[in-house]
Amino acid sequence: MCSSDLRLLKENGRQVTIINAGVSGDTTSDGLQRLEWSLPEGVSGVILALGANDMLRGLDPALPRANLTAILERLKARNIPVFILGMRAPANYGARYAQDFDSIYPDLAKAYQAPLYPFMLDGVAGQAASLLSDGLHPNADGVDIIARKILPSLDAFVAGLR
């Protein structure tokens, strides 16, 4: 995650270290390939925020579903709790694509009993004032909005970690 999340968690009294292992442009395939070496021993929890780039590339939703399932299986085998940040497909991808893609995150959260924040860009997507000039990625204000919206769920997740 980002410094906003860390700052807000610390303001809530949480003494945490967040290591951002994300790589710009990563797909779920990329995340799966580097999962083991990006998570050292002793990791207390993972915030899983992958899949948006799969969707932006129009990849068949079955692929990110399979990759995210594999990631969750590996984390489960290591007894690492996961907080899932969901993503949603925009309407212009078509109803069928959106239905197939949008169901990935709630389905996996239910199957793996993982907390889910349903849409990471809630309150920011489609809001030009909160986005960079590419119209996709949040600017500093957008990041702050995201962090504040996610905070209650993330704080509850962190409170339950060892």
C-alpha atoms as a PDB file:
ATOM      1  CA  MET A   1       0.000   0.000   0.000  1.00  0.00           C
ATOM      2  CA  CYS A   2       1.175   3.536   0.426  1.00  0.00           C
ATOM      3  CA  SER A   3       2.415   6.012   2.981  1.00  0.00           C
ATOM      4  CA  SER A   4      -1.140   7.351   3.479  1.00  0.00           C
ATOM      5  CA  ASP A   5      -2.253   3.921   4.711  1.00  0.00           C
ATOM      6  CA  LEU A   6       0.728   3.631   7.022  1.00  0.00           C
ATOM      7  CA  ARG A   7       0.212   7.146   8.398  1.00  0.00           C
ATOM      8  CA  LEU A   8      -3.490   6.529   9.017  1.00  0.00           C
ATOM      9  CA  LEU A   9      -2.864   3.166  10.666  1.00  0.00           C
ATOM     10  CA  LYS A  10      -0.255   4.727  12.947  1.00  0.00           C
ATOM     11  CA  GLU A  11      -2.696   7.521  13.802  1.00  0.00           C
ATOM     12  CA  ASN A  12      -5.045   4.703  14.887  1.00  0.00           C
ATOM     13  CA  GLY A  13      -2.351   3.378  17.219  1.00  0.00           C
ATOM     14  CA  ARG A  14      -1.160   0.516  14.991  1.00  0.00           C
ATOM     15  CA  GLN A  15       2.577  -0.102  15.002  1.00  0.00           C
ATOM     16  CA  VAL A  16       3.015  -1.610  11.573  1.00  0.00           C
ATOM     17  CA  THR A  17       5.481  -1.825   8.748  1.00  0.00           C
ATOM     18  CA  ILE A  18       4.031  -1.984   5.271  1.00  0.00           C
ATOM     19  CA  ILE A  19       6.234  -3.248   2.460  1.00  0.00           C
ATOM     20  CA  ASN A  20       4.863  -2.378  -0.949  1.00  0.00           C
ATOM     21  CA  ALA A  21       5.764  -5.374  -3.093  1.00  0.00           C
ATOM     22  CA  GLY A  22       3.666  -4.135  -5.993  1.00  0.00           C
ATOM     23  CA  VAL A  23       5.152  -3.431  -9.382  1.00  0.00           C
ATOM     24  CA  SER A  24       3.498  -0.917 -11.684  1.00  0.00           C
ATOM     25  CA  GLY A  25       1.823  -2.683 -14.584  1.00  0.00           C
ATOM     26  CA  ASP A  26       1.787  -6.088 -12.903  1.00  0.00           C
ATOM     27  CA  THR A  27      -0.846  -8.586 -13.917  1.00  0.00           C
ATOM     28  CA  THR A  28      -1.963 -11.426 -11.686  1.00  0.00           C
ATOM     29  CA  SER A  29       0.408 -13.683 -13.661  1.00  0.00           C
ATOM     30  CA  ASP A  30       3.329 -11.412 -12.757  1.00  0.00           C
ATOM     31  CA  GLY A  31       2.296 -11.331  -9.105  1.00  0.00           C
ATOM     32  CA  LEU A  32       2.005 -15.110  -8.987  1.00  0.00           C
ATOM     33  CA  GLN A  33       5.435 -15.585 -10.574  1.00  0.00           C
ATOM     34  CA  ARG A  34       7.199 -13.445  -7.990  1.00  0.00           C
ATOM     35  CA  LEU A  35       5.090 -14.278  -4.951  1.00  0.00           C
ATOM     36  CA  GLU A  36       7.572 -16.481  -3.115  1.00  0.00           C
ATOM     37  CA  TRP A  37      10.595 -14.211  -3.329  1.00  0.00           C
ATOM     38  CA  SER A  38       8.613 -11.054  -2.628  1.00  0.00           C
ATOM     39  CA  LEU A  39       7.297 -12.367   0.712  1.00  0.00           C
ATOM     40  CA  PRO A  40      10.063 -13.048   3.211  1.00  0.00           C
ATOM     41  CA  GLU A  41       9.570 -15.281   6.228  1.00  0.00           C
ATOM     42  CA  GLY A  42       7.765 -13.587   9.072  1.00  0.00           C
ATOM     43  CA  VAL A  43       5.189 -11.713   6.989  1.00  0.00           C
ATOM     44  CA  SER A  44       2.143 -11.225   9.212  1.00  0.00           C
ATOM     45  CA  GLY A  45      -0.389 -10.455   6.495  1.00  0.00           C
ATOM     46  CA  VAL A  46      -0.833  -9.569   2.851  1.00  0.00           C
ATOM     47  CA  ILE A  47      -2.939  -6.928   1.176  1.00  0.00           C
ATOM     48  CA  LEU A  48      -3.729  -8.456  -2.210  1.00  0.00           C
ATOM     49  CA  ALA A  49      -4.396  -5.792  -4.834  1.00  0.00           C
ATOM     50  CA  LEU A  50      -3.920  -7.440  -8.217  1.00  0.00           C
ATOM     51  CA  GLY A  51      -6.125  -7.832 -11.264  1.00  0.00           C
ATOM     52  CA  ALA A  52      -6.734  -4.309 -12.523  1.00  0.00           C
ATOM     53  CA  ASN A  53      -4.075  -4.646 -15.218  1.00  0.00           C
ATOM     54  CA  ASP A  54      -5.549  -7.972 -16.348  1.00  0.00           C
ATOM     55  CA  MET A  55      -8.891  -6.202 -16.757  1.00  0.00           C
ATOM     56  CA  LEU A  56      -7.375  -3.182 -18.530  1.00  0.00           C
ATOM     57  CA  ARG A  57      -5.784  -5.569 -21.031  1.00  0.00           C
ATOM     58  CA  GLY A  58      -9.123  -7.288 -21.567  1.00  0.00           C
ATOM     59  CA  LEU A  59      -7.780 -10.668 -20.444  1.00  0.00           C
ATOM     60  CA  ASP A  60     -10.302 -13.443 -19.986  1.00  0.00           C
ATOM     61  CA  PRO A  61     -11.476 -13.153 -16.339  1.00  0.00           C
ATOM     62  CA  ALA A  62     -10.760 -16.870 -15.918  1.00  0.00           C
ATOM     63  CA  LEU A  63      -7.030 -16.056 -15.979  1.00  0.00           C
ATOM     64  CA  PRO A  64      -6.945 -13.570 -13.081  1.00  0.00           C
ATOM     65  CA  ARG A  65      -9.362 -15.815 -11.176  1.00  0.00           C
ATOM     66  CA  ALA A  66      -6.990 -18.789 -11.574  1.00  0.00           C
ATOM     67  CA  ASN A  67      -3.909 -16.732 -10.698  1.00  0.00           C
ATOM     68  CA  LEU A  68      -5.507 -15.135  -7.650  1.00  0.00           C
ATOM     69  CA  THR A  69      -6.697 -18.559  -6.520  1.00  0.00           C
ATOM     70  CA  ALA A  70      -3.125 -19.878  -6.820  1.00  0.00           C
ATOM     71  CA  ILE A  71      -1.811 -16.905  -4.841  1.00  0.00           C
ATOM     72  CA  LEU A  72      -4.405 -17.431  -2.121  1.00  0.00           C
ATOM     73  CA  GLU A  73      -3.606 -21.149  -1.985  1.00  0.00           C
ATOM     74  CA  ARG A  74       0.099 -20.411  -1.500  1.00  0.00           C
ATOM     75  CA  LEU A  75      -0.610 -17.844   1.198  1.00  0.00           C
ATOM     76  CA  LYS A  76      -2.996 -20.251   2.914  1.00  0.00           C
ATOM     77  CA  ALA A  77      -0.280 -22.930   2.898  1.00  0.00           C
ATOM     78  CA  ARG A  78       2.012 -20.440   4.660  1.00  0.00           C
ATOM     79  CA  ASN A  79      -0.742 -19.432   7.117  1.00  0.00           C
ATOM     80  CA  ILE A  80      -0.561 -15.811   5.981  1.00  0.00           C
ATOM     81  CA  PRO A  81      -3.847 -13.921   6.373  1.00  0.00           C
ATOM     82  CA  VAL A  82      -4.979 -11.919   3.345  1.00  0.00           C
ATOM     83  CA  PHE A  83      -6.958  -8.711   2.921  1.00  0.00           C
ATOM     84  CA  ILE A  84      -8.355  -8.513  -0.612  1.00  0.00           C
ATOM     85  CA  LEU A  85      -8.740  -5.223  -2.432  1.00  0.00           C
ATOM     86  CA  GLY A  86     -11.277  -5.798  -5.169  1.00  0.00           C
ATOM     87  CA  MET A  87     -11.545  -4.209  -8.579  1.00  0.00           C
ATOM     88  CA  ARG A  88     -14.445  -3.746 -10.955  1.00  0.00           C
ATOM     89  CA  ALA A  89     -14.581  -3.609 -14.724  1.00  0.00           C
ATOM     90  CA  PRO A  90     -15.987  -0.464 -16.320  1.00  0.00           C
ATOM     91  CA  ALA A  91     -19.314  -0.699 -18.151  1.00  0.00           C
ATOM     92  CA  ASN A  92     -17.728  -0.271 -21.578  1.00  0.00           C
ATOM     93  CA  TYR A  93     -16.244  -3.776 -21.312  1.00  0.00           C
ATOM     94  CA  GLY A  94     -19.746  -5.185 -21.651  1.00  0.00           C
ATOM     95  CA  ALA A  95     -22.143  -6.720 -19.169  1.00  0.00           C
ATOM     96  CA  ARG A  96     -20.843 -10.285 -19.535  1.00  0.00           C
ATOM     97  CA  TYR A  97     -17.195  -9.311 -19.051  1.00  0.00           C
ATOM     98  CA  ALA A  98     -18.067  -7.089 -16.086  1.00  0.00           C
ATOM     99  CA  GLN A  99     -20.140  -9.840 -14.489  1.00  0.00           C
ATOM    100  CA  ASP A 100     -17.371 -12.430 -14.896  1.00  0.00           C
ATOM    101  CA  PHE A 101     -14.611 -10.088 -13.738  1.00  0.00           C
ATOM    102  CA  ASP A 102     -16.494  -8.394 -10.896  1.00  0.00           C
ATOM    103  CA  SER A 103     -17.434 -11.734  -9.311  1.00  0.00           C
ATOM    104  CA  ILE A 104     -13.794 -12.791  -8.872  1.00  0.00           C
ATOM    105  CA  TYR A 105     -13.101 -10.887  -5.664  1.00  0.00           C
ATOM    106  CA  PRO A 106     -16.248 -11.632  -3.653  1.00  0.00           C
ATOM    107  CA  ASP A 107     -16.097 -15.277  -4.725  1.00  0.00           C
ATOM    108  CA  LEU A 108     -12.484 -15.644  -3.606  1.00  0.00           C
ATOM    109  CA  ALA A 109     -13.026 -13.695  -0.386  1.00  0.00           C
ATOM    110  CA  LYS A 110     -15.854 -16.056   0.494  1.00  0.00           C
ATOM    111  CA  ALA A 111     -13.946 -19.193  -0.498  1.00  0.00           C
ATOM    112  CA  TYR A 112     -10.845 -18.196   1.501  1.00  0.00           C
ATOM    113  CA  GLN A 113     -12.686 -16.436   4.327  1.00  0.00           C
ATOM    114  CA  ALA A 114     -10.664 -13.310   3.635  1.00  0.00           C
ATOM    115  CA  PRO A 115     -11.818  -9.777   4.341  1.00  0.00           C
ATOM    116  CA  LEU A 116     -12.710  -7.900   1.178  1.00  0.00           C
ATOM    117  CA  TYR A 117     -12.826  -4.240   0.305  1.00  0.00           C
ATOM    118  CA  PRO A 118     -15.014  -4.610  -2.796  1.00  0.00           C
ATOM    119  CA  PHE A 119     -13.718  -1.782  -5.001  1.00  0.00           C
ATOM    120  CA  MET A 120     -10.334  -0.242  -4.345  1.00  0.00           C
ATOM    121  CA  LEU A 121     -11.144   2.863  -6.425  1.00  0.00           C
ATOM    122  CA  ASP A 122     -14.460   3.575  -4.687  1.00  0.00           C
ATOM    123  CA  GLY A 123     -15.016   7.333  -4.611  1.00  0.00           C
ATOM    124  CA  VAL A 124     -12.159   7.951  -7.053  1.00  0.00           C
ATOM    125  CA  ALA A 125     -12.966   6.106 -10.295  1.00  0.00           C
ATOM    126  CA  GLY A 126     -14.424   8.499 -12.821  1.00  0.00           C
ATOM    127  CA  GLN A 127     -13.605  11.546 -10.687  1.00  0.00           C
ATOM    128  CA  ALA A 128     -11.220  13.620 -12.814  1.00  0.00           C
ATOM    129  CA  ALA A 129     -10.115  15.752  -9.856  1.00  0.00           C
ATOM    130  CA  SER A 130      -8.881  12.605  -8.069  1.00  0.00           C
ATOM    131  CA  LEU A 131      -7.056  11.039 -11.023  1.00  0.00           C
ATOM    132  CA  LEU A 132      -3.831  11.541 -12.897  1.00  0.00           C
ATOM    133  CA  SER A 133      -4.043  12.765 -16.481  1.00  0.00           C
ATOM    134  CA  ASP A 134      -4.307   9.132 -17.679  1.00  0.00           C
ATOM    135  CA  GLY A 135      -7.800   9.035 -16.165  1.00  0.00           C
ATOM    136  CA  LEU A 136      -7.044   5.710 -14.459  1.00  0.00           C
ATOM    137  CA  HIS A 137      -4.570   6.112 -11.625  1.00  0.00           C
ATOM    138  CA  PRO A 138      -5.296   8.165  -8.514  1.00  0.00           C
ATOM    139  CA  ASN A 139      -3.379  11.371  -7.867  1.00  0.00           C
ATOM    140  CA  ALA A 140      -2.296  12.352  -4.323  1.00  0.00           C
ATOM    141  CA  ASP A 141      -5.826  13.463  -3.412  1.00  0.00           C
ATOM    142  CA  GLY A 142      -7.242  10.255  -4.852  1.00  0.00           C
ATOM    143  CA  VAL A 143      -4.785   8.169  -2.857  1.00  0.00           C
ATOM    144  CA  ASP A 144      -5.842   9.974   0.300  1.00  0.00           C
ATOM    145  CA  ILE A 145      -9.530   9.315  -0.474  1.00  0.00           C
ATOM    146  CA  ILE A 146      -8.800   5.629  -1.070  1.00  0.00           C
ATOM    147  CA  ALA A 147      -6.732   5.314   2.104  1.00  0.00           C
ATOM    148  CA  ARG A 148      -9.406   6.942   4.255  1.00  0.00           C
ATOM    149  CA  LYS A 149     -12.184   4.796   2.778  1.00  0.00           C
ATOM    150  CA  ILE A 150     -10.232   1.574   3.199  1.00  0.00           C
ATOM    151  CA  LEU A 151      -8.938   2.454   6.679  1.00  0.00           C
ATOM    152  CA  PRO A 152     -11.763   0.974   8.811  1.00  0.00           C
ATOM    153  CA  SER A 153     -11.574  -2.398   7.049  1.00  0.00           C
ATOM    154  CA  LEU A 154      -7.782  -2.389   6.917  1.00  0.00           C
ATOM    155  CA  ASP A 155      -7.524  -1.400  10.576  1.00  0.00           C
ATOM    156  CA  ALA A 156      -9.768  -4.330  11.548  1.00  0.00           C
ATOM    157  CA  PHE A 157      -7.574  -6.660   9.470  1.00  0.00           C
ATOM    158  CA  VAL A 158      -4.370  -5.360  11.060  1.00  0.00           C
ATOM    159  CA  ALA A 159      -5.874  -5.647  14.542  1.00  0.00           C
ATOM    160  CA  GLY A 160      -6.322  -9.392  13.981  1.00  0.00           C
ATOM    161  CA  LEU A 161      -2.747 -10.074  12.846  1.00  0.00           C
ATOM    162  CA  ARG A 162      -0.177 -11.767  15.039  1.00  0.00           C
END
